[in-house]
C-alpha atoms as a PDB file:
ATOM      1  CA  MET A   1      67.544  88.021  58.764  1.00  0.00           C
ATOM      2  CA  GLY A   2      71.234  87.936  59.502  1.00  0.00           C
ATOM      3  CA  ALA A   3      71.763  84.782  57.400  1.00  0.00           C
ATOM      4  CA  ARG A   4      70.043  86.347  54.455  1.00  0.00           C
ATOM      5  CA  GLY A   5      72.062  89.572  54.790  1.00  0.00           C
ATOM      6  CA  ALA A   6      75.488  88.001  54.777  1.00  0.00           C
ATOM      7  CA  PRO A   7      75.353  86.678  51.147  1.00  0.00           C
ATOM      8  CA  SER A   8      74.016  90.021  50.108  1.00  0.00           C
ATOM      9  CA  ARG A   9      77.008  91.868  51.577  1.00  0.00           C
ATOM     10  CA  ARG A  10      79.494  89.486  50.003  1.00  0.00           C
ATOM     11  CA  ARG A  11      77.830  89.967  46.531  1.00  0.00           C
ATOM     12  CA  GLN A  12      78.122  93.876  47.067  1.00  0.00           C
ATOM     13  CA  ALA A  13      81.900  93.490  48.056  1.00  0.00           C
ATOM     14  CA  GLY A  14      82.540  91.382  44.970  1.00  0.00           C
ATOM     15  CA  ARG A  15      80.683  93.794  42.785  1.00  0.00           C
ATOM     16  CA  ARG A  16      82.921  96.670  44.143  1.00  0.00           C
ATOM     17  CA  LEU A  17      86.090  94.745  43.371  1.00  0.00           C
ATOM     18  CA  ARG A  18      84.909  93.951  39.797  1.00  0.00           C
ATOM     19  CA  TYR A  19      84.342  97.657  39.265  1.00  0.00           C
ATOM     20  CA  LEU A  20      88.017  98.529  40.124  1.00  0.00           C
ATOM     21  CA  PRO A  21      90.234  99.171  37.090  1.00  0.00           C
ATOM     22  CA  THR A  22      92.402  96.206  36.184  1.00  0.00           C
ATOM     23  CA  GLY A  23      95.650  98.280  36.574  1.00  0.00           C
ATOM     24  CA  SER A  24      94.970  99.527  40.118  1.00  0.00           C
ATOM     25  CA  PHE A  25      96.662  96.701  41.890  1.00  0.00           C
ATOM     26  CA  PRO A  26     100.153  97.245  40.559  1.00  0.00           C
ATOM     27  CA  PHE A  27      99.702 100.990  41.246  1.00  0.00           C
ATOM     28  CA  LEU A  28      98.680 100.314  44.824  1.00  0.00           C
ATOM     29  CA  LEU A  29     101.577  97.924  45.343  1.00  0.00           C
ATOM     30  CA  LEU A  30     104.032 100.560  43.767  1.00  0.00           C
ATOM     31  CA  LEU A  31     102.616 103.159  46.189  1.00  0.00           C
ATOM     32  CA  LEU A  32     103.069 100.839  49.088  1.00  0.00           C
ATOM     33  CA  LEU A  33     106.714 100.112  48.213  1.00  0.00           C
ATOM     34  CA  LEU A  34     107.389 103.776  47.791  1.00  0.00           C
ATOM     35  CA  CYS A  35     106.074 104.576  51.295  1.00  0.00           C
ATOM     36  CA  ILE A  36     108.205 101.821  52.675  1.00  0.00           C
ATOM     37  CA  GLN A  37     111.245 103.153  50.909  1.00  0.00           C
ATOM     38  CA  LEU A  38     110.670 106.769  51.969  1.00  0.00           C
ATOM     39  CA  GLY A  39     110.295 105.595  55.633  1.00  0.00           C
ATOM     40  CA  GLY A  40     113.521 103.606  55.352  1.00  0.00           C
ATOM     41  CA  GLY A  41     115.331 106.642  53.725  1.00  0.00           C
ATOM     42  CA  GLN A  42     114.154 108.966  56.490  1.00  0.00           C
ATOM     43  CA  LYS A  43     115.472 106.510  59.099  1.00  0.00           C
ATOM     44  CA  LYS A  44     118.671 106.305  57.218  1.00  0.00           C
ATOM     45  CA  LYS A  45     119.056 110.065  57.340  1.00  0.00           C
ATOM     46  CA  GLU A  46     118.390 110.210  61.008  1.00  0.00           C
ATOM     47  CA  ASN A  47     121.075 107.610  61.695  1.00  0.00           C
ATOM     48  CA  LEU A  48     123.563 109.430  59.487  1.00  0.00           C
ATOM     49  CA  LEU A  49     122.821 112.735  61.190  1.00  0.00           C
ATOM     50  CA  ALA A  50     123.207 111.032  64.642  1.00  0.00           C
ATOM     51  CA  GLU A  51     126.563 109.654  63.603  1.00  0.00           C
ATOM     52  CA  LYS A  52     127.824 113.087  62.409  1.00  0.00           C
ATOM     53  CA  VAL A  53     126.699 114.824  65.541  1.00  0.00           C
ATOM     54  CA  GLU A  54     128.188 112.104  67.727  1.00  0.00           C
ATOM     55  CA  GLN A  55     131.594 112.449  65.938  1.00  0.00           C
ATOM     56  CA  LEU A  56     131.544 116.205  66.211  1.00  0.00           C
ATOM     57  CA  MET A  57     130.739 116.077  70.007  1.00  0.00           C
ATOM     58  CA  GLU A  58     133.641 113.642  70.400  1.00  0.00           C
ATOM     59  CA  TRP A  59     136.015 116.104  68.677  1.00  0.00           C
ATOM     60  CA  SER A  60     134.721 118.953  70.692  1.00  0.00           C
ATOM     61  CA  SER A  61     135.420 117.052  73.962  1.00  0.00           C
ATOM     62  CA  ARG A  62     139.085 116.868  73.013  1.00  0.00           C
ATOM     63  CA  ARG A  63     139.604 120.389  71.532  1.00  0.00           C
ATOM     64  CA  SER A  64     137.364 123.423  71.018  1.00  0.00           C
ATOM     65  CA  ILE A  65     138.436 123.917  67.427  1.00  0.00           C
ATOM     66  CA  PHE A  66     138.992 120.884  65.179  1.00  0.00           C
ATOM     67  CA  ARG A  67     140.826 121.111  61.885  1.00  0.00           C
ATOM     68  CA  MET A  68     139.197 119.891  58.634  1.00  0.00           C
ATOM     69  CA  ASN A  69     140.685 118.800  55.259  1.00  0.00           C
ATOM     70  CA  GLY A  70     138.637 118.676  52.019  1.00  0.00           C
ATOM     71  CA  ASP A  71     136.971 115.330  52.819  1.00  0.00           C
ATOM     72  CA  LYS A  72     135.828 116.277  56.285  1.00  0.00           C
ATOM     73  CA  PHE A  73     134.589 119.705  55.015  1.00  0.00           C
ATOM     74  CA  ARG A  74     132.439 118.067  52.475  1.00  0.00           C
ATOM     75  CA  LYS A  75     131.043 115.378  54.880  1.00  0.00           C
ATOM     76  CA  PHE A  76     130.410 117.478  57.919  1.00  0.00           C
ATOM     77  CA  ILE A  77     129.659 120.971  56.476  1.00  0.00           C
ATOM     78  CA  LYS A  78     128.543 120.690  52.873  1.00  0.00           C
ATOM     79  CA  ALA A  79     126.653 117.419  52.685  1.00  0.00           C
ATOM     80  CA  PRO A  80     123.180 116.940  54.290  1.00  0.00           C
ATOM     81  CA  PRO A  81     121.626 116.153  56.612  1.00  0.00           C
ATOM     82  CA  ARG A  82     122.754 118.784  59.181  1.00  0.00           C
ATOM     83  CA  ASN A  83     120.853 120.340  62.130  1.00  0.00           C
ATOM     84  CA  TYR A  84     123.756 122.300  63.542  1.00  0.00           C
ATOM     85  CA  SER A  85     125.604 125.555  62.724  1.00  0.00           C
ATOM     86  CA  MET A  86     129.333 125.452  61.878  1.00  0.00           C
ATOM     87  CA  ILE A  87     131.637 128.455  62.226  1.00  0.00           C
ATOM     88  CA  VAL A  88     134.745 127.972  59.969  1.00  0.00           C
ATOM     89  CA  MET A  89     137.937 129.970  60.027  1.00  0.00           C
ATOM     90  CA  PHE A  90     139.782 129.811  56.630  1.00  0.00           C
ATOM     91  CA  THR A  91     143.375 130.639  57.454  1.00  0.00           C
ATOM     92  CA  ALA A  92     147.056 130.045  56.515  1.00  0.00           C
ATOM     93  CA  LEU A  93     149.049 129.334  59.764  1.00  0.00           C
ATOM     94  CA  GLN A  94     152.079 127.654  58.141  1.00  0.00           C
ATOM     95  CA  PRO A  95     155.301 129.660  58.726  1.00  0.00           C
ATOM     96  CA  GLN A  96     156.183 129.883  55.040  1.00  0.00           C
ATOM     97  CA  ARG A  97     152.853 131.758  54.452  1.00  0.00           C
ATOM     98  CA  GLN A  98     154.091 134.563  56.780  1.00  0.00           C
ATOM     99  CA  CYS A  99     150.585 135.610  57.738  1.00  0.00           C
ATOM    100  CA  SER A 100     150.850 137.494  61.116  1.00  0.00           C
ATOM    101  CA  VAL A 101     147.277 138.571  60.950  1.00  0.00           C
ATOM    102  CA  CYS A 102     146.259 134.863  60.721  1.00  0.00           C
ATOM    103  CA  ARG A 103     148.061 134.117  63.955  1.00  0.00           C
ATOM    104  CA  GLN A 104     146.482 137.034  65.781  1.00  0.00           C
ATOM    105  CA  ALA A 105     143.037 136.166  64.452  1.00  0.00           C
ATOM    106  CA  ASN A 106     143.618 132.596  65.506  1.00  0.00           C
ATOM    107  CA  GLU A 107     144.355 133.614  69.070  1.00  0.00           C
ATOM    108  CA  GLU A 108     141.000 135.468  69.281  1.00  0.00           C
ATOM    109  CA  TYR A 109     139.180 132.626  67.641  1.00  0.00           C
ATOM    110  CA  GLN A 110     140.688 130.192  70.220  1.00  0.00           C
ATOM    111  CA  ILE A 111     139.472 132.394  72.970  1.00  0.00           C
ATOM    112  CA  LEU A 112     135.923 132.464  71.647  1.00  0.00           C
ATOM    113  CA  ALA A 113     135.752 128.705  70.991  1.00  0.00           C
ATOM    114  CA  ASN A 114     137.134 128.021  74.502  1.00  0.00           C
ATOM    115  CA  SER A 115     134.582 130.306  76.013  1.00  0.00           C
ATOM    116  CA  TRP A 116     131.799 128.375  74.261  1.00  0.00           C
ATOM    117  CA  ARG A 117     133.248 124.924  75.070  1.00  0.00           C
ATOM    118  CA  TYR A 118     133.441 125.585  78.786  1.00  0.00           C
ATOM    119  CA  SER A 119     130.196 127.570  79.128  1.00  0.00           C
ATOM    120  CA  SER A 120     127.042 126.198  80.748  1.00  0.00           C
ATOM    121  CA  ALA A 121     125.044 126.780  77.499  1.00  0.00           C
ATOM    122  CA  PHE A 122     127.279 124.483  75.411  1.00  0.00           C
ATOM    123  CA  CYS A 123     125.274 122.177  73.241  1.00  0.00           C
ATOM    124  CA  ASN A 124     125.358 120.360  69.834  1.00  0.00           C
ATOM    125  CA  LYS A 125     123.921 123.097  67.877  1.00  0.00           C
ATOM    126  CA  LEU A 126     127.153 125.001  67.291  1.00  0.00           C
ATOM    127  CA  PHE A 127     130.547 123.862  66.436  1.00  0.00           C
ATOM    128  CA  PHE A 128     133.892 125.662  65.637  1.00  0.00           C
ATOM    129  CA  SER A 129     136.275 124.339  63.026  1.00  0.00           C
ATOM    130  CA  MET A 130     139.293 125.506  60.932  1.00  0.00           C
ATOM    131  CA  VAL A 131     140.482 124.977  57.334  1.00  0.00           C
ATOM    132  CA  ASP A 132     144.095 125.685  56.723  1.00  0.00           C
ATOM    133  CA  TYR A 133     145.128 126.525  53.222  1.00  0.00           C
ATOM    134  CA  ASP A 134     147.832 123.955  53.077  1.00  0.00           C
ATOM    135  CA  GLU A 135     145.543 121.182  54.405  1.00  0.00           C
ATOM    136  CA  GLY A 136     142.453 122.093  52.322  1.00  0.00           C
ATOM    137  CA  THR A 137     143.516 123.811  49.165  1.00  0.00           C
ATOM    138  CA  ASP A 138     140.599 122.247  47.304  1.00  0.00           C
ATOM    139  CA  VAL A 139     138.166 123.826  49.729  1.00  0.00           C
ATOM    140  CA  PHE A 140     139.558 127.301  49.022  1.00  0.00           C
ATOM    141  CA  GLN A 141     139.200 126.600  45.377  1.00  0.00           C
ATOM    142  CA  GLN A 142     135.668 125.241  45.657  1.00  0.00           C
ATOM    143  CA  LEU A 143     134.647 128.481  47.552  1.00  0.00           C
ATOM    144  CA  ASN A 144     136.624 130.772  45.170  1.00  0.00           C
ATOM    145  CA  MET A 145     138.442 132.112  48.254  1.00  0.00           C
ATOM    146  CA  ASN A 146     141.693 133.934  47.754  1.00  0.00           C
ATOM    147  CA  SER A 147     142.291 135.631  51.079  1.00  0.00           C
ATOM    148  CA  ALA A 148     142.924 134.644  54.655  1.00  0.00           C
ATOM    149  CA  PRO A 149     141.811 134.847  57.361  1.00  0.00           C
ATOM    150  CA  THR A 150     138.095 134.601  56.667  1.00  0.00           C
ATOM    151  CA  PHE A 151     135.262 133.613  59.067  1.00  0.00           C
ATOM    152  CA  MET A 152     132.209 132.007  57.669  1.00  0.00           C
ATOM    153  CA  HIS A 153     128.961 130.606  59.173  1.00  0.00           C
ATOM    154  CA  PHE A 154     127.414 127.569  57.539  1.00  0.00           C
ATOM    155  CA  PRO A 155     123.640 127.393  58.678  1.00  0.00           C
ATOM    156  CA  PRO A 156     121.814 124.104  59.400  1.00  0.00           C
ATOM    157  CA  LYS A 157     119.781 124.438  56.233  1.00  0.00           C
ATOM    158  CA  GLY A 158     120.487 126.143  52.910  1.00  0.00           C
ATOM    159  CA  ARG A 159     123.544 127.848  51.696  1.00  0.00           C
ATOM    160  CA  PRO A 160     125.362 130.629  53.421  1.00  0.00           C
ATOM    161  CA  LYS A 161     124.198 134.105  52.712  1.00  0.00           C
ATOM    162  CA  ARG A 162     126.248 137.214  52.322  1.00  0.00           C
ATOM    163  CA  ALA A 163     125.781 138.088  56.020  1.00  0.00           C
ATOM    164  CA  ASP A 164     127.124 134.682  56.890  1.00  0.00           C
ATOM    165  CA  THR A 165     130.653 135.966  56.031  1.00  0.00           C
ATOM    166  CA  PHE A 166     132.249 138.084  58.857  1.00  0.00           C
ATOM    167  CA  ASP A 167     133.209 141.557  57.759  1.00  0.00           C
ATOM    168  CA  LEU A 168     136.753 141.347  59.150  1.00  0.00           C
ATOM    169  CA  GLN A 169     138.018 144.495  57.518  1.00  0.00           C
ATOM    170  CA  ARG A 170     135.386 146.718  58.933  1.00  0.00           C
ATOM    171  CA  ILE A 171     134.843 145.213  62.353  1.00  0.00           C
ATOM    172  CA  GLY A 172     138.126 143.567  63.197  1.00  0.00           C
ATOM    173  CA  PHE A 173     138.665 140.071  64.629  1.00  0.00           C
ATOM    174  CA  ALA A 174     138.298 140.545  68.351  1.00  0.00           C
ATOM    175  CA  ALA A 175     136.568 137.600  70.141  1.00  0.00           C
ATOM    176  CA  GLU A 176     133.782 139.932  71.416  1.00  0.00           C
ATOM    177  CA  GLN A 177     132.962 141.058  67.882  1.00  0.00           C
ATOM    178  CA  LEU A 178     132.937 137.533  66.636  1.00  0.00           C
ATOM    179  CA  ALA A 179     130.598 136.530  69.420  1.00  0.00           C
ATOM    180  CA  LYS A 180     128.133 139.424  68.586  1.00  0.00           C
ATOM    181  CA  TRP A 181     128.198 138.235  64.813  1.00  0.00           C
ATOM    182  CA  ILE A 182     127.488 134.649  65.849  1.00  0.00           C
ATOM    183  CA  ALA A 183     124.607 135.777  68.068  1.00  0.00           C
ATOM    184  CA  ASP A 184     123.029 137.549  65.069  1.00  0.00           C
ATOM    185  CA  ARG A 185     123.401 134.546  62.751  1.00  0.00           C
ATOM    186  CA  THR A 186     122.586 131.632  65.168  1.00  0.00           C
ATOM    187  CA  ASP A 187     120.819 133.235  68.231  1.00  0.00           C
ATOM    188  CA  VAL A 188     123.538 131.551  70.409  1.00  0.00           C
ATOM    189  CA  HIS A 189     125.042 134.015  72.788  1.00  0.00           C
ATOM    190  CA  ILE A 190     128.563 133.460  73.957  1.00  0.00           C
ATOM    191  CA  ARG A 191     130.031 135.219  76.800  1.00  0.00           C
ATOM    192  CA  VAL A 192     133.773 135.702  76.173  1.00  0.00           C
ATOM    193  CA  PHE A 193     136.203 134.782  79.016  1.00  0.00           C
ATOM    194  CA  ARG A 194     139.742 135.897  78.535  1.00  0.00           C
ATOM    195  CA  PRO A 195     142.711 134.472  80.290  1.00  0.00           C
ATOM    196  CA  PRO A 196     144.286 136.965  82.696  1.00  0.00           C
ATOM    197  CA  ASN A 197     147.116 139.044  81.312  1.00  0.00           C
ATOM    198  CA  TYR A 198     149.715 139.921  83.934  1.00  0.00           C
ATOM    199  CA  SER A 199     152.228 141.627  81.500  1.00  0.00           C
ATOM    200  CA  GLY A 200     151.232 145.125  82.436  1.00  0.00           C
ATOM    201  CA  THR A 201     151.274 144.275  86.086  1.00  0.00           C
ATOM    202  CA  ILE A 202     154.676 142.672  85.902  1.00  0.00           C
ATOM    203  CA  ALA A 203     156.171 145.637  83.939  1.00  0.00           C
ATOM    204  CA  LEU A 204     154.794 148.106  86.482  1.00  0.00           C
ATOM    205  CA  ALA A 205     156.147 145.993  89.347  1.00  0.00           C
ATOM    206  CA  LEU A 206     159.577 145.776  87.683  1.00  0.00           C
ATOM    207  CA  LEU A 207     159.636 149.629  87.167  1.00  0.00           C
ATOM    208  CA  VAL A 208     158.630 150.315  90.761  1.00  0.00           C
ATOM    209  CA  SER A 209     161.223 147.856  92.033  1.00  0.00           C
ATOM    210  CA  LEU A 210     163.935 149.408  89.876  1.00  0.00           C
ATOM    211  CA  VAL A 211     163.085 152.880  91.095  1.00  0.00           C
ATOM    212  CA  GLY A 212     162.838 151.700  94.651  1.00  0.00           C
ATOM    213  CA  GLY A 213     166.187 149.931  94.423  1.00  0.00           C
ATOM    214  CA  LEU A 214     167.972 152.957  93.051  1.00  0.00           C
ATOM    215  CA  LEU A 215     166.501 155.138  95.788  1.00  0.00           C
ATOM    216  CA  TYR A 216     167.567 152.629  98.356  1.00  0.00           C
ATOM    217  CA  LEU A 217     171.097 152.597  97.061  1.00  0.00           C
ATOM    218  CA  ARG A 218     171.138 156.418  97.209  1.00  0.00           C
ATOM    219  CA  ARG A 219     169.337 156.619 100.520  1.00  0.00           C
ATOM    220  CA  ASN A 220     172.106 158.677 102.139  1.00  0.00           C
ATOM    221  CA  ASN A 221     172.078 161.286  99.359  1.00  0.00           C
ATOM    222  CA  LEU A 222     168.432 162.124  98.714  1.00  0.00           C
ATOM    223  CA  GLU A 223     168.395 165.758  99.892  1.00  0.00           C
ATOM    224  CA  PHE A 224     168.016 167.021  96.341  1.00  0.00           C
ATOM    225  CA  ILE A 225     164.429 165.518  96.147  1.00  0.00           C
ATOM    226  CA  TYR A 226     163.250 167.676  99.100  1.00  0.00           C
ATOM    227  CA  ASN A 227     165.202 170.786  98.102  1.00  0.00           C
ATOM    228  CA  LYS A 228     162.396 173.157  96.954  1.00  0.00           C
ATOM    229  CA  THR A 229     164.892 176.043  96.281  1.00  0.00           C
ATOM    230  CA  GLY A 230     166.696 173.736  93.807  1.00  0.00           C
ATOM    231  CA  TRP A 231     163.545 172.991  91.961  1.00  0.00           C
ATOM    232  CA  ALA A 232     162.550 176.694  91.917  1.00  0.00           C
ATOM    233  CA  MET A 233     166.036 177.635  90.399  1.00  0.00           C
ATOM    234  CA  VAL A 234     165.579 175.048  87.662  1.00  0.00           C
ATOM    235  CA  SER A 235     162.184 176.395  86.861  1.00  0.00           C
ATOM    236  CA  LEU A 236     163.411 180.006  86.895  1.00  0.00           C
ATOM    237  CA  SER A 237     166.493 179.069  84.717  1.00  0.00           C
ATOM    238  CA  TYR A 238     164.410 177.851  81.865  1.00  0.00           C
ATOM    239  CA  ILE A 239     160.948 179.479  82.103  1.00  0.00           C
ATOM    240  CA  HIS A 240     160.646 183.227  81.887  1.00  0.00           C
ATOM    241  CA  GLY A 241     158.250 184.708  84.545  1.00  0.00           C
ATOM    242  CA  SER A 242     156.706 187.156  82.174  1.00  0.00           C
ATOM    243  CA  SER A 243     154.366 186.808  79.246  1.00  0.00           C
ATOM    244  CA  GLN A 244     156.331 189.471  77.371  1.00  0.00           C
ATOM    245  CA  ALA A 245     159.470 187.330  76.901  1.00  0.00           C
ATOM    246  CA  GLN A 246     160.570 183.771  76.423  1.00  0.00           C
ATOM    247  CA  PHE A 247     163.874 181.930  76.756  1.00  0.00           C
ATOM    248  CA  VAL A 248     165.263 179.709  73.937  1.00  0.00           C
ATOM    249  CA  ALA A 249     165.253 176.717  76.221  1.00  0.00           C
ATOM    250  CA  GLU A 250     161.648 177.433  77.099  1.00  0.00           C
ATOM    251  CA  SER A 251     160.679 177.065  73.538  1.00  0.00           C
ATOM    252  CA  HIS A 252     162.259 173.664  73.388  1.00  0.00           C
ATOM    253  CA  ILE A 253     160.540 172.674  76.602  1.00  0.00           C
ATOM    254  CA  ILE A 254     157.127 173.721  75.150  1.00  0.00           C
ATOM    255  CA  LEU A 255     157.940 171.799  72.015  1.00  0.00           C
ATOM    256  CA  VAL A 256     158.618 168.569  74.055  1.00  0.00           C
ATOM    257  CA  LEU A 257     155.497 168.947  76.079  1.00  0.00           C
ATOM    258  CA  ASN A 258     153.346 169.315  72.947  1.00  0.00           C
ATOM    259  CA  ALA A 259     155.083 166.329  71.388  1.00  0.00           C
ATOM    260  CA  ALA A 260     154.334 164.229  74.499  1.00  0.00           C
ATOM    261  CA  ILE A 261     150.661 165.323  74.442  1.00  0.00           C
ATOM    262  CA  THR A 262     150.487 164.439  70.737  1.00  0.00           C
ATOM    263  CA  MET A 263     152.026 160.944  71.510  1.00  0.00           C
ATOM    264  CA  GLY A 264     149.390 160.427  74.082  1.00  0.00           C
ATOM    265  CA  MET A 265     146.634 161.280  71.614  1.00  0.00           C
ATOM    266  CA  VAL A 266     148.149 158.944  69.029  1.00  0.00           C
ATOM    267  CA  LEU A 267     148.256 156.039  71.719  1.00  0.00           C
ATOM    268  CA  LEU A 268     144.581 156.742  72.613  1.00  0.00           C
ATOM    269  CA  ASN A 269     143.566 156.572  68.934  1.00  0.00           C
ATOM    270  CA  GLU A 270     145.618 153.372  68.472  1.00  0.00           C
ATOM    271  CA  ALA A 271     144.008 151.747  71.483  1.00  0.00           C
ATOM    272  CA  ALA A 272     140.485 152.693  70.176  1.00  0.00           C
ATOM    273  CA  THR A 273     140.985 151.605  66.476  1.00  0.00           C
ATOM    274  CA  SER A 274     143.392 148.756  66.625  1.00  0.00           C
ATOM    275  CA  LYS A 275     142.349 145.064  66.154  1.00  0.00           C
ATOM    276  CA  GLY A 276     144.828 143.474  68.543  1.00  0.00           C
ATOM    277  CA  ASP A 277     144.592 141.890  72.073  1.00  0.00           C
ATOM    278  CA  VAL A 278     142.191 143.744  74.368  1.00  0.00           C
ATOM    279  CA  GLY A 279     144.611 143.640  77.270  1.00  0.00           C
ATOM    280  CA  LYS A 280     147.381 145.343  75.152  1.00  0.00           C
ATOM    281  CA  ARG A 281     144.853 147.873  73.990  1.00  0.00           C
ATOM    282  CA  ARG A 282     143.922 148.676  77.591  1.00  0.00           C
ATOM    283  CA  ILE A 283     147.543 149.247  78.602  1.00  0.00           C
ATOM    284  CA  ILE A 284     148.083 151.471  75.575  1.00  0.00           C
ATOM    285  CA  CYS A 285     144.978 153.441  76.567  1.00  0.00           C
ATOM    286  CA  ILE A 286     146.188 153.923  80.107  1.00  0.00           C
ATOM    287  CA  VAL A 287     149.678 155.030  78.988  1.00  0.00           C
ATOM    288  CA  GLY A 288     148.117 157.462  76.418  1.00  0.00           C
ATOM    289  CA  LEU A 289     145.751 158.935  78.904  1.00  0.00           C
ATOM    290  CA  GLY A 290     148.534 159.362  81.437  1.00  0.00           C
ATOM    291  CA  LEU A 291     150.692 161.203  78.879  1.00  0.00           C
ATOM    292  CA  VAL A 292     147.908 163.588  77.982  1.00  0.00           C
ATOM    293  CA  VAL A 293     146.913 164.347  81.592  1.00  0.00           C
ATOM    294  CA  PHE A 294     150.395 164.786  83.042  1.00  0.00           C
ATOM    295  CA  PHE A 295     152.013 166.822  80.291  1.00  0.00           C
ATOM    296  CA  PHE A 296     148.988 168.943  79.520  1.00  0.00           C
ATOM    297  CA  SER A 297     148.793 169.696  83.221  1.00  0.00           C
ATOM    298  CA  PHE A 298     152.511 170.669  83.098  1.00  0.00           C
ATOM    299  CA  LEU A 299     151.796 172.909  80.086  1.00  0.00           C
ATOM    300  CA  LEU A 300     148.981 174.622  81.978  1.00  0.00           C
ATOM    301  CA  SER A 301     151.200 175.194  85.003  1.00  0.00           C
ATOM    302  CA  ILE A 302     153.775 176.989  82.823  1.00  0.00           C
ATOM    303  CA  PHE A 303     151.041 179.042  81.248  1.00  0.00           C
ATOM    304  CA  ARG A 304     149.742 180.110  84.666  1.00  0.00           C
ATOM    305  CA  SER A 305     153.221 181.056  85.798  1.00  0.00           C
ATOM    306  CA  LYS A 306     153.618 183.356  82.811  1.00  0.00           C
ATOM    307  CA  TYR A 307     150.062 184.681  82.774  1.00  0.00           C
ATOM    308  CA  HIS A 308     149.338 185.497  86.332  1.00  0.00           C
ATOM    309  CA  GLY A 309     145.738 185.216  87.377  1.00  0.00           C
ATOM    310  CA  TYR A 310     144.945 182.369  84.814  1.00  0.00           C
ATOM    311  CA  PRO A 311     142.197 180.485  86.719  1.00  0.00           C
ATOM    312  CA  TYR A 312     142.320 177.041  85.053  1.00  0.00           C
ATOM    313  CA  SER A 313     144.566 174.135  85.923  1.00  0.00           C
ATOM    314  CA  ASP A 314     144.549 170.256  85.826  1.00  0.00           C
ATOM    315  CA  LEU A 315     147.124 168.760  88.082  1.00  0.00           C
ATOM    316  CA  ASP A 316     148.706 171.251  90.256  1.00  0.00           C
ATOM    317  CA  PHE A 317     152.506 171.432  89.780  1.00  0.00           C
ATOM    318  CA  GLU A 318     152.999 174.604  91.661  1.00  0.00           C
END
């Protein structure tokens, strides 16, 4: 039974082969070669991607922001394959460009990149780079870019969208704002670590040392500080005790107090709206707040001395 069935099966297989079209064999061979070529091309892309990521990681190990010219920009940012996000700062840092904003933005950008490089979440999915106008003029021309500084995010796939360009004019270039924008575009959250700024502490220490030194040198003649009668005479000499009259000097004193309060408000507004270093803005805010509180309290004390029974006060100067 098995012997008779074997020739029958061979005849059926030959019959199926005879029924195939005569042009099928070249087509099958072409399809096989195409599959082999596609597989080889995919492997080649993977190797190229691995080389690019390895090179970027090597650069990142040496510095948090690596500079790019036109060739590097086209190879690592524009050309596929790419599975990483790239944040690029387009700037003009050469002295002849006289771009002070570029230098300030570069300081904030450096703080942000260092925070990412030394964080525990650092990985090969996000890199920071920079293109200077004098080193990559062709890149600026290719992107039709005519202003600096500009921050752009280049996603792993596709072209950058409108939201991938940081709105520097509206938001400013503080490192915290840049980190928030990067989190919206890449889902990578960066905690910003700023180096300690001791300028305010040093200035305060110098001021206290100066005042303390002067008081120490005059330590044998400090009775005027504790002389309440003298302070009262000074107050009575320039501030009228009634609400029905006012000295000429009193008008100037009130003018100076209001000017100091206005200056404090200006400093508070500058600290809230400026785009500079956060440490400097904090010092400006403290100085402005101190001016407002101190001189407004002094103004209220004068008002209470003229309008007896006025119940409100801030700092008591009486």
